[in-house]
Amino acid sequence: MTLISKIDKIILIVNELNGPVKACEIMTDRKERLKTLVDEHTIELVVHASGLSEATIKQHLRVKNPIHLHIAEKAIAQAEYVFKQL
């Protein structure tokens, strides 16, 4: 594969990642992970472990269309890590 064809392929992949379908999949996954954390550990503990406010968590869980979500991966990963350490 030539450098130009690699660059073209990279551009296509990045465009796909930034497109609405992939964004929706990513946010749906993050919402499910957040819901699992809340179900398993309570919202109060998730607030402390994630650094998100209670209002933000409730808003993320309430939104029906994931395209309108902007859940930070860092907050979810941080909470997951914290709970694994307990």
N, C-alpha and C. Protein backbone atom coordinates (compact mmCIF):
# COMPACT_ATOMS: atom_id res chain seq x y z
N MET A 1 0.85 -1.17 0.00
CA MET A 1 0.00 0.00 0.00
C MET A 1 0.90 1.23 0.00
N THR A 2 0.63 2.13 -0.92
CA THR A 2 1.44 3.34 -1.02
C THR A 2 1.04 4.34 0.07
N LEU A 3 1.89 5.31 0.28
CA LEU A 3 1.63 6.34 1.28
C LEU A 3 0.34 7.08 0.96
N ILE A 4 0.12 7.41 -0.30
CA ILE A 4 -1.10 8.13 -0.70
C ILE A 4 -2.34 7.29 -0.41
N SER A 5 -2.30 6.00 -0.74
CA SER A 5 -3.47 5.16 -0.49
C SER A 5 -3.70 4.97 1.01
N LYS A 6 -2.62 4.93 1.80
CA LYS A 6 -2.77 4.86 3.26
C LYS A 6 -3.43 6.13 3.79
N ILE A 7 -2.98 7.26 3.29
CA ILE A 7 -3.56 8.54 3.72
C ILE A 7 -5.04 8.59 3.35
N ASP A 8 -5.37 8.18 2.13
CA ASP A 8 -6.78 8.16 1.70
C ASP A 8 -7.60 7.26 2.61
N LYS A 9 -7.07 6.10 2.94
CA LYS A 9 -7.78 5.16 3.81
C LYS A 9 -7.95 5.76 5.21
N ILE A 10 -6.91 6.41 5.72
CA ILE A 10 -6.99 7.06 7.03
C ILE A 10 -8.06 8.13 7.03
N ILE A 11 -8.11 8.92 5.99
CA ILE A 11 -9.12 9.98 5.87
C ILE A 11 -10.52 9.38 5.88
N LEU A 12 -10.73 8.30 5.15
CA LEU A 12 -12.04 7.65 5.13
C LEU A 12 -12.43 7.13 6.52
N ILE A 13 -11.48 6.52 7.20
CA ILE A 13 -11.76 5.98 8.55
C ILE A 13 -12.09 7.10 9.52
N VAL A 14 -11.31 8.17 9.49
CA VAL A 14 -11.54 9.31 10.39
C VAL A 14 -12.89 9.94 10.09
N ASN A 15 -13.23 10.10 8.82
CA ASN A 15 -14.54 10.66 8.46
C ASN A 15 -15.67 9.78 8.96
N GLU A 16 -15.49 8.46 8.85
CA GLU A 16 -16.51 7.55 9.35
C GLU A 16 -16.65 7.68 10.87
N LEU A 17 -15.52 7.77 11.56
CA LEU A 17 -15.56 7.92 13.02
C LEU A 17 -16.26 9.20 13.45
N ASN A 18 -16.10 10.25 12.66
CA ASN A 18 -16.69 11.53 13.00
C ASN A 18 -18.11 11.70 12.45
N GLY A 19 -18.59 10.71 11.74
CA GLY A 19 -19.93 10.78 11.17
C GLY A 19 -21.01 10.51 12.21
N PRO A 20 -22.24 10.83 11.89
CA PRO A 20 -23.34 10.70 12.86
C PRO A 20 -23.65 9.27 13.28
N VAL A 21 -23.46 8.31 12.38
CA VAL A 21 -23.78 6.92 12.73
C VAL A 21 -22.82 6.41 13.78
N LYS A 22 -21.54 6.61 13.56
CA LYS A 22 -20.53 6.15 14.52
C LYS A 22 -20.64 6.93 15.82
N ALA A 23 -20.88 8.22 15.74
CA ALA A 23 -21.04 9.03 16.96
C ALA A 23 -22.21 8.52 17.79
N CYS A 24 -23.28 8.15 17.13
CA CYS A 24 -24.46 7.62 17.81
C CYS A 24 -24.11 6.30 18.50
N GLU A 25 -23.38 5.42 17.81
CA GLU A 25 -22.96 4.14 18.39
C GLU A 25 -22.08 4.37 19.62
N ILE A 26 -21.15 5.29 19.50
CA ILE A 26 -20.22 5.57 20.61
C ILE A 26 -20.98 6.10 21.82
N MET A 27 -21.88 7.06 21.59
CA MET A 27 -22.62 7.64 22.71
C MET A 27 -23.60 6.64 23.32
N THR A 28 -24.18 5.77 22.50
CA THR A 28 -25.06 4.73 23.03
C THR A 28 -24.28 3.80 23.93
N ASP A 29 -23.08 3.42 23.52
CA ASP A 29 -22.23 2.57 24.34
C ASP A 29 -21.86 3.25 25.65
N ARG A 30 -21.47 4.53 25.58
CA ARG A 30 -21.11 5.25 26.80
C ARG A 30 -22.30 5.39 27.74
N LYS A 31 -23.48 5.65 27.18
CA LYS A 31 -24.69 5.77 28.00
C LYS A 31 -24.98 4.45 28.71
N GLU A 32 -24.85 3.34 28.00
CA GLU A 32 -25.08 2.02 28.61
C GLU A 32 -24.05 1.73 29.71
N ARG A 33 -22.80 2.10 29.46
CA ARG A 33 -21.77 1.90 30.48
C ARG A 33 -22.06 2.74 31.71
N LEU A 34 -22.51 3.99 31.51
CA LEU A 34 -22.85 4.86 32.62
C LEU A 34 -24.04 4.30 33.39
N LYS A 35 -25.05 3.83 32.68
CA LYS A 35 -26.22 3.24 33.32
C LYS A 35 -25.83 2.01 34.15
N THR A 36 -24.96 1.19 33.62
CA THR A 36 -24.49 0.02 34.35
C THR A 36 -23.78 0.43 35.63
N LEU A 37 -22.94 1.45 35.54
CA LEU A 37 -22.24 1.93 36.73
C LEU A 37 -23.23 2.40 37.80
N VAL A 38 -24.22 3.18 37.38
CA VAL A 38 -25.22 3.69 38.32
C VAL A 38 -26.03 2.54 38.91
N ASP A 39 -26.42 1.59 38.08
CA ASP A 39 -27.20 0.45 38.57
C ASP A 39 -26.42 -0.39 39.58
N GLU A 40 -25.14 -0.54 39.34
CA GLU A 40 -24.31 -1.39 40.21
C GLU A 40 -23.79 -0.67 41.46
N HIS A 41 -23.60 0.66 41.37
CA HIS A 41 -22.89 1.35 42.46
C HIS A 41 -23.63 2.54 43.07
N THR A 42 -24.75 2.91 42.58
CA THR A 42 -25.55 4.09 42.96
C THR A 42 -24.99 5.36 42.32
N ILE A 43 -25.90 6.28 42.09
CA ILE A 43 -25.51 7.53 41.43
C ILE A 43 -24.54 8.34 42.30
N GLU A 44 -24.74 8.31 43.61
CA GLU A 44 -23.86 9.06 44.51
C GLU A 44 -22.41 8.61 44.38
N LEU A 45 -22.18 7.31 44.33
CA LEU A 45 -20.81 6.82 44.20
C LEU A 45 -20.24 7.10 42.82
N VAL A 46 -21.08 7.02 41.79
CA VAL A 46 -20.62 7.31 40.44
C VAL A 46 -20.23 8.78 40.31
N VAL A 47 -20.93 9.65 40.99
CA VAL A 47 -20.57 11.08 41.01
C VAL A 47 -19.13 11.23 41.49
N HIS A 48 -18.80 10.59 42.59
CA HIS A 48 -17.46 10.72 43.16
C HIS A 48 -16.40 10.04 42.30
N ALA A 49 -16.74 8.89 41.74
CA ALA A 49 -15.76 8.13 40.96
C ALA A 49 -15.51 8.74 39.58
N SER A 50 -16.53 9.36 38.99
CA SER A 50 -16.41 9.87 37.62
C SER A 50 -16.01 11.33 37.54
N GLY A 51 -16.34 12.09 38.58
CA GLY A 51 -16.12 13.53 38.52
C GLY A 51 -17.26 14.28 37.84
N LEU A 52 -18.28 13.55 37.40
CA LEU A 52 -19.47 14.18 36.81
C LEU A 52 -20.42 14.58 37.93
N SER A 53 -21.21 15.61 37.69
CA SER A 53 -22.20 16.00 38.69
C SER A 53 -23.41 15.07 38.60
N GLU A 54 -24.19 15.03 39.66
CA GLU A 54 -25.40 14.21 39.66
C GLU A 54 -26.35 14.67 38.57
N ALA A 55 -26.48 15.98 38.39
CA ALA A 55 -27.37 16.51 37.36
C ALA A 55 -26.91 16.09 35.97
N THR A 56 -25.62 16.10 35.72
CA THR A 56 -25.09 15.69 34.42
C THR A 56 -25.37 14.22 34.17
N ILE A 57 -25.14 13.38 35.16
CA ILE A 57 -25.40 11.95 35.01
C ILE A 57 -26.87 11.71 34.72
N LYS A 58 -27.75 12.35 35.48
CA LYS A 58 -29.19 12.18 35.26
C LYS A 58 -29.59 12.64 33.86
N GLN A 59 -29.02 13.74 33.42
CA GLN A 59 -29.33 14.26 32.08
C GLN A 59 -28.87 13.26 31.02
N HIS A 60 -27.66 12.73 31.15
CA HIS A 60 -27.16 11.75 30.19
C HIS A 60 -28.05 10.52 30.13
N LEU A 61 -28.54 10.07 31.27
CA LEU A 61 -29.36 8.87 31.31
C LEU A 61 -30.78 9.12 30.81
N ARG A 62 -31.21 10.38 30.85
CA ARG A 62 -32.58 10.73 30.45
C ARG A 62 -32.72 10.94 28.93
N VAL A 63 -31.65 11.37 28.29
CA VAL A 63 -31.71 11.70 26.86
C VAL A 63 -32.04 10.45 26.04
N LYS A 64 -33.03 10.57 25.18
CA LYS A 64 -33.49 9.44 24.36
C LYS A 64 -32.63 9.24 23.12
N ASN A 65 -32.32 10.33 22.42
CA ASN A 65 -31.56 10.23 21.18
C ASN A 65 -30.07 10.43 21.47
N PRO A 66 -29.26 9.37 21.33
CA PRO A 66 -27.85 9.46 21.69
C PRO A 66 -27.04 10.45 20.86
N ILE A 67 -27.58 10.87 19.72
CA ILE A 67 -26.85 11.84 18.91
C ILE A 67 -26.70 13.18 19.65
N HIS A 68 -27.58 13.42 20.65
CA HIS A 68 -27.53 14.66 21.42
C HIS A 68 -26.64 14.54 22.66
N LEU A 69 -26.04 13.38 22.85
CA LEU A 69 -25.20 13.17 24.03
C LEU A 69 -23.74 13.53 23.74
N HIS A 70 -23.06 13.97 24.76
CA HIS A 70 -21.62 14.23 24.69
C HIS A 70 -21.01 13.75 26.00
N ILE A 71 -21.01 12.44 26.20
CA ILE A 71 -20.50 11.85 27.43
C ILE A 71 -19.00 11.64 27.27
N ALA A 72 -18.24 12.18 28.19
CA ALA A 72 -16.78 12.08 28.12
C ALA A 72 -16.30 10.67 28.44
N GLU A 73 -15.52 10.11 27.54
CA GLU A 73 -14.95 8.78 27.75
C GLU A 73 -14.09 8.76 29.01
N LYS A 74 -13.37 9.85 29.25
CA LYS A 74 -12.48 9.91 30.41
C LYS A 74 -13.25 9.70 31.71
N ALA A 75 -14.41 10.31 31.84
CA ALA A 75 -15.20 10.19 33.06
C ALA A 75 -15.69 8.76 33.27
N ILE A 76 -16.13 8.12 32.20
CA ILE A 76 -16.61 6.74 32.29
C ILE A 76 -15.46 5.81 32.64
N ALA A 77 -14.34 5.96 31.92
CA ALA A 77 -13.18 5.10 32.16
C ALA A 77 -12.64 5.28 33.57
N GLN A 78 -12.64 6.51 34.04
CA GLN A 78 -12.16 6.80 35.39
C GLN A 78 -13.03 6.09 36.43
N ALA A 79 -14.33 6.18 36.28
CA ALA A 79 -15.25 5.53 37.22
C ALA A 79 -15.08 4.01 37.17
N GLU A 80 -14.99 3.46 35.96
CA GLU A 80 -14.81 2.02 35.83
C GLU A 80 -13.52 1.57 36.54
N TYR A 81 -12.47 2.34 36.34
CA TYR A 81 -11.18 2.02 36.98
C TYR A 81 -11.30 2.08 38.50
N VAL A 82 -11.92 3.13 39.00
CA VAL A 82 -12.07 3.31 40.45
C VAL A 82 -12.82 2.13 41.04
N PHE A 83 -13.93 1.73 40.44
CA PHE A 83 -14.73 0.64 41.00
C PHE A 83 -14.01 -0.70 40.90
N LYS A 84 -13.15 -0.89 39.92
CA LYS A 84 -12.37 -2.12 39.83
C LYS A 84 -11.34 -2.19 40.95
N GLN A 85 -10.94 -1.02 41.45
CA GLN A 85 -9.93 -0.98 42.51
C GLN A 85 -10.52 -1.27 43.89
N LEU A 86 -11.84 -1.16 44.02
CA LEU A 86 -12.48 -1.37 45.32
C LEU A 86 -12.54 -2.85 45.67
